[in-house]
N, C-alpha and C. Protein backbone atom coordinates (compact mmCIF):
# COMPACT_ATOMS: atom_id res chain seq x y z
N MET A 1 121.51 -20.32 40.64
CA MET A 1 122.11 -20.13 39.32
C MET A 1 121.67 -21.21 38.35
N ASP A 2 121.28 -20.92 37.19
CA ASP A 2 120.80 -21.89 36.26
C ASP A 2 122.01 -22.63 35.64
N SER A 3 121.66 -23.79 35.02
CA SER A 3 122.68 -24.72 34.46
C SER A 3 123.53 -24.01 33.31
N LEU A 4 122.88 -23.20 32.50
CA LEU A 4 123.53 -22.49 31.47
C LEU A 4 124.58 -21.55 32.05
N GLN A 5 124.30 -20.85 32.97
CA GLN A 5 125.25 -19.91 33.59
C GLN A 5 126.33 -20.60 34.34
N LEU A 6 126.10 -21.61 34.95
CA LEU A 6 127.15 -22.49 35.60
C LEU A 6 128.11 -22.93 34.50
N PHE A 7 127.57 -23.43 33.39
CA PHE A 7 128.46 -23.83 32.27
C PHE A 7 129.31 -22.74 31.64
N LEU A 8 128.71 -21.57 31.44
CA LEU A 8 129.41 -20.40 30.99
C LEU A 8 130.54 -19.96 31.99
N ASP A 9 130.17 -19.96 33.27
CA ASP A 9 131.15 -19.61 34.19
C ASP A 9 132.39 -20.58 34.25
N GLN A 10 132.12 -21.83 34.08
CA GLN A 10 133.24 -22.76 34.04
C GLN A 10 134.09 -22.62 32.76
N MET A 11 133.46 -22.36 31.65
CA MET A 11 134.27 -22.21 30.45
C MET A 11 134.87 -20.93 30.19
N GLU A 12 134.36 -19.83 30.86
CA GLU A 12 134.99 -18.49 30.69
C GLU A 12 135.23 -18.07 29.28
N PRO A 13 134.16 -17.76 28.50
CA PRO A 13 134.42 -17.40 27.12
C PRO A 13 135.16 -16.10 27.04
N SER A 14 135.97 -15.98 26.04
CA SER A 14 136.79 -14.81 25.88
C SER A 14 136.21 -13.72 25.15
N GLY A 15 135.07 -13.98 24.54
CA GLY A 15 134.35 -12.97 23.67
C GLY A 15 132.99 -13.44 23.37
N ASP A 16 132.31 -12.56 22.57
CA ASP A 16 130.96 -12.64 22.18
C ASP A 16 130.76 -14.04 21.35
N ALA A 17 131.74 -14.22 20.45
CA ALA A 17 131.60 -15.43 19.51
C ALA A 17 131.69 -16.74 20.30
N GLU A 18 132.62 -16.81 21.28
CA GLU A 18 132.75 -17.91 22.07
C GLU A 18 131.58 -18.04 22.98
N SER A 19 131.02 -16.99 23.58
CA SER A 19 129.78 -17.08 24.35
C SER A 19 128.68 -17.69 23.49
N VAL A 20 128.39 -17.18 22.33
CA VAL A 20 127.33 -17.73 21.49
C VAL A 20 127.56 -19.23 21.21
N TRP A 21 128.80 -19.57 20.80
CA TRP A 21 129.12 -20.95 20.46
C TRP A 21 128.88 -21.83 21.68
N LEU A 22 129.26 -21.45 22.86
CA LEU A 22 129.05 -22.21 24.05
C LEU A 22 127.55 -22.36 24.40
N LYS A 23 126.80 -21.24 24.15
CA LYS A 23 125.40 -21.43 24.43
C LYS A 23 124.66 -22.40 23.42
N GLU A 24 125.20 -22.42 22.17
CA GLU A 24 124.68 -23.38 21.12
C GLU A 24 125.10 -24.78 21.55
N ILE A 25 126.34 -24.98 22.06
CA ILE A 25 126.69 -26.38 22.58
C ILE A 25 125.75 -26.84 23.71
N PHE A 26 125.58 -25.99 24.65
CA PHE A 26 124.66 -26.21 25.73
C PHE A 26 123.26 -26.61 25.35
N SER A 27 122.75 -25.79 24.38
CA SER A 27 121.40 -26.04 23.90
C SER A 27 121.32 -27.37 23.16
N PHE A 28 122.39 -27.77 22.40
CA PHE A 28 122.40 -29.08 21.71
C PHE A 28 122.42 -30.15 22.71
N VAL A 29 123.27 -30.04 23.70
CA VAL A 29 123.30 -31.13 24.70
C VAL A 29 122.03 -31.28 25.46
N SER A 30 121.32 -30.09 25.81
CA SER A 30 120.11 -30.12 26.60
C SER A 30 118.94 -30.71 25.74
N GLU A 31 119.03 -30.42 24.40
CA GLU A 31 117.91 -30.92 23.58
C GLU A 31 118.11 -32.37 23.05
N HIS A 32 119.36 -32.70 22.80
CA HIS A 32 119.57 -33.89 22.00
C HIS A 32 120.17 -35.04 22.93
N LEU A 33 121.05 -34.71 23.80
CA LEU A 33 121.79 -35.63 24.53
C LEU A 33 121.15 -35.97 25.96
N CYS A 34 120.74 -34.91 26.67
CA CYS A 34 120.16 -35.32 28.02
C CYS A 34 118.84 -36.02 27.94
N PRO A 35 117.99 -35.79 27.03
CA PRO A 35 116.79 -36.59 26.85
C PRO A 35 117.12 -38.12 26.74
N VAL A 36 118.07 -38.45 26.01
CA VAL A 36 118.57 -39.71 25.74
C VAL A 36 119.11 -40.40 26.97
N LEU A 37 119.78 -39.57 27.78
CA LEU A 37 120.37 -40.11 29.06
C LEU A 37 119.38 -40.27 30.10
N SER A 38 118.31 -39.46 30.02
CA SER A 38 117.35 -39.57 31.14
C SER A 38 116.27 -40.64 30.95
N GLY A 39 116.32 -41.28 29.73
CA GLY A 39 115.42 -42.41 29.41
C GLY A 39 115.92 -43.67 30.18
N PRO A 40 115.18 -44.70 29.93
CA PRO A 40 115.66 -46.03 30.61
C PRO A 40 117.03 -46.44 30.04
N ALA A 41 117.97 -46.85 30.86
CA ALA A 41 119.23 -47.24 30.52
C ALA A 41 119.18 -48.72 29.98
N PRO A 42 119.99 -49.03 29.10
CA PRO A 42 120.23 -50.38 28.58
C PRO A 42 120.67 -51.28 29.72
N SER A 43 120.28 -52.48 29.81
CA SER A 43 120.73 -53.39 30.91
C SER A 43 122.13 -53.50 31.16
N ALA A 44 122.94 -53.32 30.15
CA ALA A 44 124.49 -53.40 30.33
C ALA A 44 125.08 -52.09 30.71
N ALA A 45 124.28 -50.96 30.68
CA ALA A 45 124.78 -49.68 30.91
C ALA A 45 125.20 -49.54 32.44
N ASP A 46 126.23 -48.83 32.67
CA ASP A 46 126.73 -48.68 33.95
C ASP A 46 126.10 -47.31 34.49
N GLY A 47 126.04 -47.25 35.81
CA GLY A 47 125.17 -46.18 36.49
C GLY A 47 125.63 -44.78 36.01
N LEU A 48 126.80 -44.60 35.60
CA LEU A 48 127.27 -43.22 35.09
C LEU A 48 126.66 -42.81 33.81
N LEU A 49 126.12 -43.67 33.09
CA LEU A 49 125.53 -43.40 31.74
C LEU A 49 124.08 -43.01 31.99
N THR A 50 123.50 -43.19 33.12
CA THR A 50 122.02 -42.89 33.24
C THR A 50 122.00 -41.46 33.54
N GLY A 51 120.87 -40.78 33.20
CA GLY A 51 120.73 -39.31 33.38
C GLY A 51 120.64 -38.79 34.86
N GLY A 52 120.50 -39.69 35.85
CA GLY A 52 120.23 -39.26 37.18
C GLY A 52 121.28 -38.33 37.65
N ASP A 53 122.58 -38.60 37.41
CA ASP A 53 123.59 -37.79 37.98
C ASP A 53 124.34 -36.84 36.98
N VAL A 54 123.90 -36.83 35.78
CA VAL A 54 124.54 -36.03 34.70
C VAL A 54 123.65 -34.83 34.43
N CYS A 55 124.21 -33.71 34.60
CA CYS A 55 123.51 -32.43 34.39
C CYS A 55 124.13 -31.92 32.93
N ALA A 56 123.15 -31.05 32.33
CA ALA A 56 123.58 -30.50 31.06
C ALA A 56 124.77 -29.65 31.12
N ASP A 57 125.09 -28.96 32.19
CA ASP A 57 126.30 -28.17 32.32
C ASP A 57 127.47 -29.02 32.42
N GLN A 58 127.42 -30.08 33.13
CA GLN A 58 128.55 -31.07 33.30
C GLN A 58 128.89 -31.71 31.97
N LEU A 59 127.80 -32.15 31.30
CA LEU A 59 128.03 -32.92 30.01
C LEU A 59 128.52 -31.93 29.06
N SER A 60 128.10 -30.77 28.92
CA SER A 60 128.58 -29.67 28.04
C SER A 60 130.06 -29.45 28.29
N VAL A 61 130.42 -29.25 29.49
CA VAL A 61 131.84 -29.08 29.82
C VAL A 61 132.66 -30.16 29.35
N CYS A 62 132.31 -31.43 29.53
CA CYS A 62 133.00 -32.61 29.04
C CYS A 62 133.16 -32.60 27.53
N LEU A 63 132.06 -32.29 26.88
CA LEU A 63 132.00 -32.22 25.39
C LEU A 63 132.97 -31.13 24.92
N VAL A 64 132.93 -29.99 25.42
CA VAL A 64 133.88 -28.87 24.91
C VAL A 64 135.24 -29.29 25.17
N LYS A 65 135.58 -29.89 26.37
CA LYS A 65 136.97 -30.32 26.72
C LYS A 65 137.47 -31.35 25.67
N LYS A 66 136.56 -32.32 25.37
CA LYS A 66 136.88 -33.34 24.32
C LYS A 66 137.11 -32.75 22.99
N ILE A 67 136.39 -31.66 22.53
CA ILE A 67 136.53 -30.99 21.32
C ILE A 67 137.90 -30.32 21.28
N GLN A 68 138.21 -29.70 22.42
CA GLN A 68 139.42 -28.95 22.50
C GLN A 68 140.70 -29.88 22.47
N GLU A 69 140.52 -31.11 23.06
CA GLU A 69 141.53 -32.10 22.99
C GLU A 69 142.01 -32.45 21.57
N HIS A 70 140.99 -32.30 20.66
CA HIS A 70 141.18 -32.71 19.28
C HIS A 70 141.37 -31.53 18.30
N THR A 71 141.57 -30.47 18.82
CA THR A 71 141.80 -29.29 17.98
C THR A 71 143.29 -28.82 18.21
N THR A 72 143.77 -28.19 17.17
CA THR A 72 145.20 -27.72 17.25
C THR A 72 145.31 -26.41 18.05
N LEU A 73 144.43 -25.65 18.05
CA LEU A 73 144.43 -24.35 18.75
C LEU A 73 143.76 -24.50 20.10
N THR A 74 144.58 -24.71 21.13
CA THR A 74 144.01 -24.90 22.45
C THR A 74 143.68 -23.61 23.17
N HIS A 75 144.14 -22.53 22.76
CA HIS A 75 143.82 -21.29 23.55
C HIS A 75 142.52 -20.62 23.08
N THR A 76 141.96 -21.16 22.00
CA THR A 76 140.58 -20.58 21.59
C THR A 76 139.63 -21.81 21.35
N LEU A 77 138.43 -21.38 21.41
CA LEU A 77 137.38 -22.40 21.16
C LEU A 77 137.11 -22.45 19.59
N PRO A 78 136.84 -23.63 19.04
CA PRO A 78 136.57 -23.71 17.69
C PRO A 78 135.17 -23.35 17.23
N VAL A 79 134.95 -22.00 17.25
CA VAL A 79 133.65 -21.49 17.12
C VAL A 79 133.05 -21.73 15.68
N SER A 80 133.86 -22.23 14.83
CA SER A 80 133.28 -22.63 13.51
C SER A 80 132.69 -24.00 13.51
N TYR A 81 132.99 -24.70 14.52
CA TYR A 81 132.35 -26.16 14.73
C TYR A 81 131.02 -25.93 15.08
N ARG A 82 130.14 -26.82 14.46
CA ARG A 82 128.72 -26.75 14.81
C ARG A 82 128.28 -28.26 14.98
N LEU A 83 127.61 -28.54 16.09
CA LEU A 83 126.96 -29.87 16.38
C LEU A 83 125.68 -30.10 15.55
N VAL A 84 125.54 -31.18 14.90
CA VAL A 84 124.42 -31.59 14.15
C VAL A 84 123.90 -32.89 14.49
N SER A 85 122.59 -32.95 14.68
CA SER A 85 121.96 -34.28 15.02
C SER A 85 121.84 -35.13 13.88
N VAL A 86 121.72 -36.32 14.05
CA VAL A 86 121.49 -37.32 12.90
C VAL A 86 120.35 -37.15 12.15
N SER A 87 119.19 -36.69 12.85
CA SER A 87 117.88 -36.38 12.10
C SER A 87 118.11 -35.15 11.18
N GLU A 88 118.90 -34.22 11.67
CA GLU A 88 119.20 -32.98 10.88
C GLU A 88 120.01 -33.40 9.64
N LEU A 89 120.98 -34.25 9.86
CA LEU A 89 121.79 -34.79 8.69
C LEU A 89 120.89 -35.45 7.65
N LEU A 90 120.05 -36.38 8.15
CA LEU A 90 119.13 -36.99 7.21
C LEU A 90 118.23 -36.13 6.55
N SER A 91 117.75 -35.11 7.20
CA SER A 91 116.88 -34.06 6.63
C SER A 91 117.59 -33.27 5.54
N ARG A 92 118.80 -32.93 5.79
CA ARG A 92 119.69 -32.20 4.84
C ARG A 92 119.97 -33.13 3.60
N GLN A 93 120.15 -34.34 3.87
CA GLN A 93 120.43 -35.32 2.76
C GLN A 93 119.22 -35.40 1.88
N ARG A 94 118.06 -35.52 2.37
CA ARG A 94 116.76 -35.56 1.68
C ARG A 94 116.57 -34.39 0.83
N VAL A 95 116.87 -33.13 1.38
CA VAL A 95 116.68 -31.92 0.68
C VAL A 95 117.69 -31.87 -0.45
N ALA A 96 118.92 -32.29 -0.19
CA ALA A 96 119.99 -32.29 -1.30
C ALA A 96 119.56 -33.35 -2.31
N SER A 97 119.09 -34.45 -2.00
CA SER A 97 118.73 -35.49 -2.96
C SER A 97 117.59 -35.02 -3.87
N SER A 98 116.62 -34.30 -3.26
CA SER A 98 115.47 -33.86 -4.01
C SER A 98 115.93 -32.78 -5.00
N ALA A 99 116.97 -32.15 -4.74
CA ALA A 99 117.43 -31.07 -5.66
C ALA A 99 118.17 -31.61 -6.84
N THR A 100 118.63 -32.93 -6.90
CA THR A 100 119.24 -33.46 -8.06
C THR A 100 118.19 -33.79 -9.10
N SER A 101 118.67 -33.93 -10.25
CA SER A 101 117.83 -34.14 -11.35
C SER A 101 117.28 -35.62 -11.28
N PRO A 102 116.01 -35.76 -11.73
CA PRO A 102 115.33 -37.07 -11.71
C PRO A 102 116.23 -38.19 -12.38
N GLY A 103 116.30 -39.28 -11.80
CA GLY A 103 117.06 -40.33 -12.30
C GLY A 103 118.48 -40.33 -12.16
N ALA A 104 119.02 -39.31 -11.67
CA ALA A 104 120.47 -39.14 -11.49
C ALA A 104 120.91 -40.03 -10.23
N PRO A 105 122.03 -40.68 -10.27
CA PRO A 105 122.35 -41.48 -9.08
C PRO A 105 122.76 -40.46 -7.93
N ILE A 106 122.21 -40.87 -6.66
CA ILE A 106 122.53 -40.09 -5.53
C ILE A 106 123.74 -40.69 -4.68
N SER A 107 124.71 -39.92 -4.47
CA SER A 107 125.86 -40.36 -3.73
C SER A 107 125.95 -39.48 -2.43
N SER A 108 126.19 -40.16 -1.34
CA SER A 108 126.36 -39.44 -0.07
C SER A 108 127.74 -38.90 0.12
N GLY A 109 128.73 -39.55 -0.62
CA GLY A 109 130.08 -39.08 -0.52
C GLY A 109 130.81 -39.63 0.66
N VAL A 110 130.08 -40.42 1.47
CA VAL A 110 130.70 -40.94 2.73
C VAL A 110 131.60 -42.10 2.31
N GLY A 111 132.77 -42.09 2.76
CA GLY A 111 133.75 -43.28 2.50
C GLY A 111 134.37 -43.18 1.24
N GLN A 112 134.10 -42.08 0.39
CA GLN A 112 134.75 -42.13 -0.92
C GLN A 112 135.99 -41.26 -0.81
N GLY A 113 137.10 -41.74 -1.53
CA GLY A 113 138.32 -41.00 -1.55
C GLY A 113 138.26 -39.93 -2.50
N GLY A 114 139.05 -38.97 -2.33
CA GLY A 114 139.05 -37.87 -3.13
C GLY A 114 140.30 -37.95 -4.08
N GLY A 115 140.83 -39.08 -4.42
CA GLY A 115 142.02 -39.25 -5.16
C GLY A 115 142.57 -38.12 -5.98
N ALA A 116 143.83 -37.72 -5.74
CA ALA A 116 144.43 -36.54 -6.39
C ALA A 116 145.75 -37.09 -7.05
């Protein structure tokens, strides 16, 4: 049985939306997190952080459980959540900033209050 199927079997999605969301989580973990873990570990890293013993299905299960811990609806998966890599965020920021008028100040909005 492949890693994706092991992950889906553990998570037991209740419908198509949850199944698609879980597959996207697994894909993100496989493409963005596992390659980082399989590279050389920093000298201070402990053995659990190296990719040798961590599989995409195990890491995906841990990630989904952490997300569930921080959501208010524990009986459903937050299918509206989407994981985004830093490179994708930077790419989107560049696209957004190029859409602003020339000479206009660019603000990321990070850390700014919405004072009401």
